[in-house]
């Protein structure tokens, strides 16, 4: 079922969250977040509390109170908050999670010991965020592993306990993405099926919760490659009341398949993108502002 039409879009103000993931991963990512918020369209960032440059990111966030900051939960391909001796079954001896998210997901699904350690680790990451003194705008996850059913069920009570306003349900627009770029179409279709299934399940789990979600989240189909052309297409065609677009910006020169990518920063600074936002009268917002709105939204049923 379509979630809107162009005529319907005129009946409400479309609100768009522009988010940067991996805040705290490196000084280059932190510098990009700072610039994209001050000079571009970035409204929020998701903090890796265990990132190599997390303390610098926290200092930047304190300098820019207009930047909403959420928690970017890491349960694969990153460093844990707890020492390895406390969670030896889910991290390597160096304190990092394995880089294989599929294998890590299976471990959480089938090992009770792993699930107990995961619960303690998630609590530690929320506690570490709370210690920053920053307001918790939203929660999402590195490589979308916050949508893993085991992780999700552990995470939701923590998100509410620590005062999160919103949660990312990554329901992207597959057909728009394929219309832009059909390369790796098979992988995109499979990824979309998996994410949409998890989002439908997650929406049901959130039916009696106060966490705000958006109607659409753009980024999964183009993760690490949020080019100006693609984002322009999204913003020109967006028809739902609320949406999130997420990016992986960096001021560095490194380009990784899933981000960070300096081109993502260029898009966030683009005058063309700013012009489209102005011409379409899109309102840039955050999860916290949506939560405070008298008409906050959740993803509609299909």
Foldseek 3Di string as FASTA:
>chain_A
DDQFDPVRLVVAFAEEAEEEEAQQQDPQQLVLQLCLVVQFQHQEYAAALQHPRRVVSLVSCVVPVRYAYAHADEQADAAFLDQCVLQVVQPPNVRHGYHDVVVSLVCCVPPPSNLVSLLVRLLSSLVSVVVSVHQHAEYAYDVRCCLSVSNVVSVVVSCVVRHYAAYEQAQADLVLLCVVPVVVVVVSVVVNVVSVVSSVVSCVVCVPPRHFYFQHEPAPSQALHCALVSLLSCLLPDRHRYYYYYHADGNDPDRDRRDDDPRRSCNRNDPVNVVSCVVSVHHYDTSVVLSVDPDRDHHDDD
